[in-house]
PDB file of N, CA and C in Angstrom:
ATOM      1  N   UNK A   1    -151.072-238.932  58.828  1.00  0.00           N
ATOM      2  CA  UNK A   1    -149.950-238.015  58.922  1.00  0.00           C
ATOM      3  C   UNK A   1    -150.020-236.912  57.874  1.00  0.00           C
ATOM      4  N   UNK A   2    -150.662-237.166  56.777  1.00  0.00           N
ATOM      5  CA  UNK A   2    -150.729-236.184  55.710  1.00  0.00           C
ATOM      6  C   UNK A   2    -151.473-234.922  56.145  1.00  0.00           C
ATOM      7  N   UNK A   3    -152.449-235.065  57.032  1.00  0.00           N
ATOM      8  CA  UNK A   3    -153.203-233.915  57.520  1.00  0.00           C
ATOM      9  C   UNK A   3    -152.290-232.971  58.294  1.00  0.00           C
ATOM     10  N   UNK A   4    -151.415-233.523  59.121  1.00  0.00           N
ATOM     11  CA  UNK A   4    -150.528-232.695  59.919  1.00  0.00           C
ATOM     12  C   UNK A   4    -149.446-232.033  59.079  1.00  0.00           C
ATOM     13  N   UNK A   5    -149.006-232.672  57.996  1.00  0.00           N
ATOM     14  CA  UNK A   5    -148.027-232.057  57.105  1.00  0.00           C
ATOM     15  C   UNK A   5    -148.611-230.821  56.435  1.00  0.00           C
ATOM     16  N   UNK A   6    -149.827-230.923  55.961  1.00  0.00           N
ATOM     17  CA  UNK A   6    -150.478-229.783  55.326  1.00  0.00           C
ATOM     18  C   UNK A   6    -150.787-228.685  56.336  1.00  0.00           C
ATOM     19  N   UNK A   7    -151.102-229.062  57.563  1.00  0.00           N
ATOM     20  CA  UNK A   7    -151.376-228.085  58.609  1.00  0.00           C
ATOM     21  C   UNK A   7    -150.135-227.257  58.916  1.00  0.00           C
ATOM     22  N   UNK A   8    -148.983-227.895  58.974  1.00  0.00           N
ATOM     23  CA  UNK A   8    -147.736-227.177  59.227  1.00  0.00           C
ATOM     24  C   UNK A   8    -147.410-226.190  58.126  1.00  0.00           C
ATOM     25  N   UNK A   9    -147.628-226.583  56.883  1.00  0.00           N
ATOM     26  CA  UNK A   9    -147.384-225.674  55.760  1.00  0.00           C
ATOM     27  C   UNK A   9    -148.352-224.496  55.807  1.00  0.00           C
ATOM     28  N   UNK A  10    -149.586-224.756  56.185  1.00  0.00           N
ATOM     29  CA  UNK A  10    -150.578-223.685  56.265  1.00  0.00           C
ATOM     30  C   UNK A  10    -150.242-222.694  57.370  1.00  0.00           C
ATOM     31  N   UNK A  11    -149.747-223.196  58.490  1.00  0.00           N
ATOM     32  CA  UNK A  11    -149.409-222.309  59.606  1.00  0.00           C
ATOM     33  C   UNK A  11    -148.235-221.414  59.231  1.00  0.00           C
ATOM     34  N   UNK A  12    -147.245-221.961  58.580  1.00  0.00           N
ATOM     35  CA  UNK A  12    -146.095-221.161  58.153  1.00  0.00           C
ATOM     36  C   UNK A  12    -146.531-220.113  57.138  1.00  0.00           C
ATOM     37  N   UNK A  13    -147.360-220.495  56.195  1.00  0.00           N
ATOM     38  CA  UNK A  13    -147.869-219.541  55.205  1.00  0.00           C
ATOM     39  C   UNK A  13    -148.712-218.465  55.873  1.00  0.00           C
ATOM     40  N   UNK A  14    -149.492-218.843  56.861  1.00  0.00           N
ATOM     41  CA  UNK A  14    -150.338-217.898  57.587  1.00  0.00           C
ATOM     42  C   UNK A  14    -149.498-216.886  58.355  1.00  0.00           C
ATOM     43  N   UNK A  15    -148.473-217.351  59.035  1.00  0.00           N
ATOM     44  CA  UNK A  15    -147.619-216.458  59.820  1.00  0.00           C
ATOM     45  C   UNK A  15    -146.845-215.508  58.912  1.00  0.00           C
ATOM     46  N   UNK A  16    -146.281-216.024  57.835  1.00  0.00           N
ATOM     47  CA  UNK A  16    -145.527-215.169  56.911  1.00  0.00           C
ATOM     48  C   UNK A  16    -146.436-214.144  56.252  1.00  0.00           C
ATOM     49  N   UNK A  17    -147.615-214.554  55.854  1.00  0.00           N
ATOM     50  CA  UNK A  17    -148.552-213.631  55.216  1.00  0.00           C
ATOM     51  C   UNK A  17    -149.036-212.568  56.188  1.00  0.00           C
ATOM     52  N   UNK A  18    -149.308-212.965  57.422  1.00  0.00           N
ATOM     53  CA  UNK A  18    -149.767-212.005  58.418  1.00  0.00           C
ATOM     54  C   UNK A  18    -148.679-210.976  58.739  1.00  0.00           C
ATOM     55  N   UNK A  19    -147.440-211.416  58.848  1.00  0.00           N
ATOM     56  CA  UNK A  19    -146.343-210.485  59.127  1.00  0.00           C
ATOM     57  C   UNK A  19    -146.172-209.493  57.981  1.00  0.00           C
ATOM     58  N   UNK A  20    -146.218-209.978  56.759  1.00  0.00           N
ATOM     59  CA  UNK A  20    -146.086-209.084  55.606  1.00  0.00           C
ATOM     60  C   UNK A  20    -147.267-208.128  55.514  1.00  0.00           C
ATOM     61  N   UNK A  21    -148.458-208.603  55.854  1.00  0.00           N
ATOM     62  CA  UNK A  21    -149.646-207.744  55.806  1.00  0.00           C
ATOM     63  C   UNK A  21    -149.568-206.640  56.858  1.00  0.00           C
ATOM     64  N   UNK A  22    -149.076-206.956  58.036  1.00  0.00           N
ATOM     65  CA  UNK A  22    -148.953-205.944  59.090  1.00  0.00           C
ATOM     66  C   UNK A  22    -147.944-204.876  58.692  1.00  0.00           C
ATOM     67  N   UNK A  23    -146.812-205.296  58.169  1.00  0.00           N
ATOM     68  CA  UNK A  23    -145.787-204.335  57.746  1.00  0.00           C
ATOM     69  C   UNK A  23    -146.310-203.451  56.606  1.00  0.00           C
ATOM     70  N   UNK A  24    -146.980-204.047  55.632  1.00  0.00           N
ATOM     71  CA  UNK A  24    -147.493-203.253  54.516  1.00  0.00           C
ATOM     72  C   UNK A  24    -148.618-202.319  54.947  1.00  0.00           C
ATOM     73  N   UNK A  25    -149.441-202.737  55.918  1.00  0.00           N
ATOM     74  CA  UNK A  25    -150.500-201.865  56.418  1.00  0.00           C
ATOM     75  C   UNK A  25    -149.915-200.652  57.146  1.00  0.00           C
ATOM     76  N   UNK A  26    -148.884-200.880  57.940  1.00  0.00           N
ATOM     77  CA  UNK A  26    -148.229-199.761  58.627  1.00  0.00           C
ATOM     78  C   UNK A  26    -147.604-198.812  57.620  1.00  0.00           C
ATOM     79  N   UNK A  27    -146.959-199.358  56.612  1.00  0.00           N
ATOM     80  CA  UNK A  27    -146.346-198.522  55.577  1.00  0.00           C
ATOM     81  C   UNK A  27    -147.390-197.720  54.809  1.00  0.00           C
ATOM     82  N   UNK A  28    -148.532-198.323  54.523  1.00  0.00           N
ATOM     83  CA  UNK A  28    -149.595-197.606  53.810  1.00  0.00           C
ATOM     84  C   UNK A  28    -150.128-196.464  54.662  1.00  0.00           C
ATOM     85  N   UNK A  29    -150.323-196.703  55.954  1.00  0.00           N
ATOM     86  CA  UNK A  29    -150.826-195.664  56.840  1.00  0.00           C
ATOM     87  C   UNK A  29    -149.827-194.502  56.930  1.00  0.00           C
ATOM     88  N   UNK A  30    -148.556-194.814  57.081  1.00  0.00           N
ATOM     89  CA  UNK A  30    -147.525-193.770  57.153  1.00  0.00           C
ATOM     90  C   UNK A  30    -147.449-193.004  55.835  1.00  0.00           C
ATOM     91  N   UNK A  31    -147.556-193.703  54.730  1.00  0.00           N
ATOM     92  CA  UNK A  31    -147.510-193.049  53.423  1.00  0.00           C
ATOM     93  C   UNK A  31    -148.686-192.103  53.230  1.00  0.00           C
ATOM     94  N   UNK A  32    -149.883-192.532  53.591  1.00  0.00           N
ATOM     95  CA  UNK A  32    -151.055-191.662  53.471  1.00  0.00           C
ATOM     96  C   UNK A  32    -150.913-190.454  54.380  1.00  0.00           C
ATOM     97  N   UNK A  33    -150.424-190.648  55.578  1.00  0.00           N
ATOM     98  CA  UNK A  33    -150.222-189.537  56.505  1.00  0.00           C
ATOM     99  C   UNK A  33    -149.171-188.571  55.970  1.00  0.00           C
ATOM    100  N   UNK A  34    -148.097-189.087  55.424  1.00  0.00           N
ATOM    101  CA  UNK A  34    -147.040-188.247  54.864  1.00  0.00           C
ATOM    102  C   UNK A  34    -147.546-187.445  53.668  1.00  0.00           C
ATOM    103  N   UNK A  35    -148.292-188.094  52.784  1.00  0.00           N
ATOM    104  CA  UNK A  35    -148.840-187.396  51.614  1.00  0.00           C
ATOM    105  C   UNK A  35    -149.812-186.310  52.056  1.00  0.00           C
ATOM    106  N   UNK A  36    -150.647-186.621  53.045  1.00  0.00           N
ATOM    107  CA  UNK A  36    -151.576-185.608  53.555  1.00  0.00           C
ATOM    108  C   UNK A  36    -150.858-184.429  54.174  1.00  0.00           C
ATOM    109  N   UNK A  37    -149.772-184.680  54.880  1.00  0.00           N
ATOM    110  CA  UNK A  37    -149.010-183.605  55.508  1.00  0.00           C
ATOM    111  C   UNK A  37    -148.312-182.740  54.467  1.00  0.00           C
ATOM    112  N   UNK A  38    -147.912-183.337  53.347  1.00  0.00           N
ATOM    113  CA  UNK A  38    -147.219-182.567  52.317  1.00  0.00           C
ATOM    114  C   UNK A  38    -148.187-181.781  51.424  1.00  0.00           C
ATOM    115  N   UNK A  39    -149.369-182.330  51.188  1.00  0.00           N
ATOM    116  CA  UNK A  39    -150.299-181.690  50.256  1.00  0.00           C
ATOM    117  C   UNK A  39    -151.205-180.649  50.916  1.00  0.00           C
ATOM    118  N   UNK A  40    -151.503-180.803  52.186  1.00  0.00           N
ATOM    119  CA  UNK A  40    -152.432-179.910  52.862  1.00  0.00           C
ATOM    120  C   UNK A  40    -151.732-179.180  53.991  1.00  0.00           C
ATOM    121  N   UNK A  41    -152.338-178.088  54.426  1.00  0.00           N
ATOM    122  CA  UNK A  41    -151.752-177.279  55.500  1.00  0.00           C
ATOM    123  C   UNK A  41    -152.643-177.302  56.737  1.00  0.00           C
ATOM    124  N   UNK A  42    -152.075-176.920  57.832  1.00  0.00           N
ATOM    125  CA  UNK A  42    -152.760-176.765  59.118  1.00  0.00           C
ATOM    126  C   UNK A  42    -153.420-178.060  59.580  1.00  0.00           C
ATOM    127  N   UNK A  43    -154.656-177.960  60.066  1.00  0.00           N
ATOM    128  CA  UNK A  43    -155.325-179.125  60.650  1.00  0.00           C
ATOM    129  C   UNK A  43    -155.745-180.144  59.605  1.00  0.00           C
ATOM    130  N   UNK A  44    -155.936-179.719  58.378  1.00  0.00           N
ATOM    131  CA  UNK A  44    -156.339-180.657  57.326  1.00  0.00           C
ATOM    132  C   UNK A  44    -155.247-181.696  57.063  1.00  0.00           C
ATOM    133  N   UNK A  45    -153.992-181.335  57.296  1.00  0.00           N
ATOM    134  CA  UNK A  45    -152.905-182.293  57.070  1.00  0.00           C
ATOM    135  C   UNK A  45    -153.029-183.484  58.016  1.00  0.00           C
ATOM    136  N   UNK A  46    -153.488-183.252  59.243  1.00  0.00           N
ATOM    137  CA  UNK A  46    -153.704-184.354  60.178  1.00  0.00           C
ATOM    138  C   UNK A  46    -154.987-185.116  59.850  1.00  0.00           C
ATOM    139  N   UNK A  47    -155.984-184.393  59.373  1.00  0.00           N
ATOM    140  CA  UNK A  47    -157.266-185.001  59.064  1.00  0.00           C
ATOM    141  C   UNK A  47    -157.193-186.014  57.942  1.00  0.00           C
ATOM    142  N   UNK A  48    -156.365-185.745  56.948  1.00  0.00           N
ATOM    143  CA  UNK A  48    -156.229-186.678  55.826  1.00  0.00           C
ATOM    144  C   UNK A  48    -155.661-188.003  56.306  1.00  0.00           C
ATOM    145  N   UNK A  49    -154.639-187.958  57.120  1.00  0.00           N
ATOM    146  CA  UNK A  49    -154.045-189.186  57.637  1.00  0.00           C
ATOM    147  C   UNK A  49    -154.983-189.961  58.534  1.00  0.00           C
ATOM    148  N   UNK A  50    -155.771-189.251  59.331  1.00  0.00           N
ATOM    149  CA  UNK A  50    -156.710-189.920  60.225  1.00  0.00           C
ATOM    150  C   UNK A  50    -157.942-190.435  59.500  1.00  0.00           C
ATOM    151  N   UNK A  51    -158.341-189.754  58.431  1.00  0.00           N
ATOM    152  CA  UNK A  51    -159.538-190.166  57.706  1.00  0.00           C
ATOM    153  C   UNK A  51    -159.258-191.291  56.713  1.00  0.00           C
ATOM    154  N   UNK A  52    -158.186-191.157  55.954  1.00  0.00           N
ATOM    155  CA  UNK A  52    -157.900-192.123  54.896  1.00  0.00           C
ATOM    156  C   UNK A  52    -156.835-193.154  55.265  1.00  0.00           C
ATOM    157  N   UNK A  53    -156.091-192.935  56.332  1.00  0.00           N
ATOM    158  CA  UNK A  53    -155.036-193.860  56.736  1.00  0.00           C
ATOM    159  C   UNK A  53    -155.533-195.238  57.143  1.00  0.00           C
ATOM    160  N   UNK A  54    -156.483-195.329  58.072  1.00  0.00           N
ATOM    161  CA  UNK A  54    -156.965-196.658  58.480  1.00  0.00           C
ATOM    162  C   UNK A  54    -157.619-197.464  57.352  1.00  0.00           C
ATOM    163  N   UNK A  55    -158.499-196.863  56.536  1.00  0.00           N
ATOM    164  CA  UNK A  55    -159.053-197.671  55.431  1.00  0.00           C
ATOM    165  C   UNK A  55    -157.982-198.119  54.437  1.00  0.00           C
ATOM    166  N   UNK A  56    -157.029-197.241  54.153  1.00  0.00           N
ATOM    167  CA  UNK A  56    -155.956-197.620  53.233  1.00  0.00           C
ATOM    168  C   UNK A  56    -155.120-198.746  53.819  1.00  0.00           C
ATOM    169  N   UNK A  57    -154.848-198.687  55.112  1.00  0.00           N
ATOM    170  CA  UNK A  57    -154.073-199.741  55.770  1.00  0.00           C
ATOM    171  C   UNK A  57    -154.815-201.071  55.741  1.00  0.00           C
ATOM    172  N   UNK A  58    -156.113-201.048  55.993  1.00  0.00           N
ATOM    173  CA  UNK A  58    -156.903-202.282  55.957  1.00  0.00           C
ATOM    174  C   UNK A  58    -156.951-202.880  54.558  1.00  0.00           C
ATOM    175  N   UNK A  59    -157.141-202.038  53.568  1.00  0.00           N
ATOM    176  CA  UNK A  59    -157.224-202.530  52.185  1.00  0.00           C
ATOM    177  C   UNK A  59    -155.884-203.109  51.740  1.00  0.00           C
ATOM    178  N   UNK A  60    -154.810-202.354  51.944  1.00  0.00           N
ATOM    179  CA  UNK A  60    -153.488-202.815  51.517  1.00  0.00           C
ATOM    180  C   UNK A  60    -153.081-204.068  52.283  1.00  0.00           C
ATOM    181  N   UNK A  61    -153.299-204.083  53.594  1.00  0.00           N
ATOM    182  CA  UNK A  61    -152.959-205.260  54.392  1.00  0.00           C
ATOM    183  C   UNK A  61    -153.742-206.488  53.969  1.00  0.00           C
ATOM    184  N   UNK A  62    -155.018-206.314  53.708  1.00  0.00           N
ATOM    185  CA  UNK A  62    -155.849-207.439  53.262  1.00  0.00           C
ATOM    186  C   UNK A  62    -155.428-207.985  51.915  1.00  0.00           C
ATOM    187  N   UNK A  63    -155.147-207.087  50.985  1.00  0.00           N
ATOM    188  CA  UNK A  63    -154.718-207.519  49.650  1.00  0.00           C
ATOM    189  C   UNK A  63    -153.377-208.241  49.711  1.00  0.00           C
ATOM    190  N   UNK A  64    -152.436-207.698  50.458  1.00  0.00           N
ATOM    191  CA  UNK A  64    -151.122-208.335  50.586  1.00  0.00           C
ATOM    192  C   UNK A  64    -151.256-209.704  51.249  1.00  0.00           C
ATOM    193  N   UNK A  65    -152.068-209.796  52.288  1.00  0.00           N
ATOM    194  CA  UNK A  65    -152.251-211.079  52.964  1.00  0.00           C
ATOM    195  C   UNK A  65    -152.814-212.127  52.007  1.00  0.00           C
ATOM    196  N   UNK A  66    -153.863-211.778  51.301  1.00  0.00           N
ATOM    197  CA  UNK A  66    -154.506-212.742  50.400  1.00  0.00           C
ATOM    198  C   UNK A  66    -153.566-213.168  49.282  1.00  0.00           C
ATOM    199  N   UNK A  67    -152.927-212.194  48.642  1.00  0.00           N
ATOM    200  CA  UNK A  67    -152.042-212.533  47.520  1.00  0.00           C
ATOM    201  C   UNK A  67    -150.850-213.366  47.978  1.00  0.00           C
ATOM    202  N   UNK A  68    -150.230-213.003  49.071  1.00  0.00           N
ATOM    203  CA  UNK A  68    -149.059-213.728  49.553  1.00  0.00           C
ATOM    204  C   UNK A  68    -149.434-215.120  50.057  1.00  0.00           C
ATOM    205  N   UNK A  69    -150.542-215.229  50.763  1.00  0.00           N
ATOM    206  CA  UNK A  69    -150.973-216.536  51.257  1.00  0.00           C
ATOM    207  C   UNK A  69    -151.260-217.489  50.101  1.00  0.00           C
ATOM    208  N   UNK A  70    -151.936-216.978  49.078  1.00  0.00           N
ATOM    209  CA  UNK A  70    -152.232-217.828  47.910  1.00  0.00           C
ATOM    210  C   UNK A  70    -150.963-218.219  47.170  1.00  0.00           C
ATOM    211  N   UNK A  71    -150.019-217.282  47.085  1.00  0.00           N
ATOM    212  CA  UNK A  71    -148.756-217.563  46.395  1.00  0.00           C
ATOM    213  C   UNK A  71    -147.953-218.619  47.144  1.00  0.00           C
ATOM    214  N   UNK A  72    -147.863-218.503  48.459  1.00  0.00           N
ATOM    215  CA  UNK A  72    -147.106-219.470  49.240  1.00  0.00           C
ATOM    216  C   UNK A  72    -147.761-220.842  49.182  1.00  0.00           C
ATOM    217  N   UNK A  73    -149.066-220.898  49.292  1.00  0.00           N
ATOM    218  CA  UNK A  73    -149.763-222.187  49.284  1.00  0.00           C
ATOM    219  C   UNK A  73    -149.741-222.864  47.925  1.00  0.00           C
ATOM    220  N   UNK A  74    -149.628-222.083  46.845  1.00  0.00           N
ATOM    221  CA  UNK A  74    -149.626-222.697  45.509  1.00  0.00           C
ATOM    222  C   UNK A  74    -148.278-223.303  45.137  1.00  0.00           C
ATOM    223  N   UNK A  75    -147.218-222.863  45.810  1.00  0.00           N
ATOM    224  CA  UNK A  75    -145.894-223.391  45.453  1.00  0.00           C
ATOM    225  C   UNK A  75    -145.500-224.591  46.268  1.00  0.00           C
TER     226      UNK A  75
END
């Protein structure tokens, strides 16, 4: 039974971490797009969001997922 108890805790931690990572990735992408639109003019304002938005979203989402998952599992 101990295996299933730990599995349930892991699934809850996984779901919570994934939800937080998705929200933070979307926020990072919107933030990069907003900063690009404010700092640059014309077509370059769209280019900054398209060029740097996805990598920033992946990095921020990955970091948030790892940190939150480790924090939940350690407590």
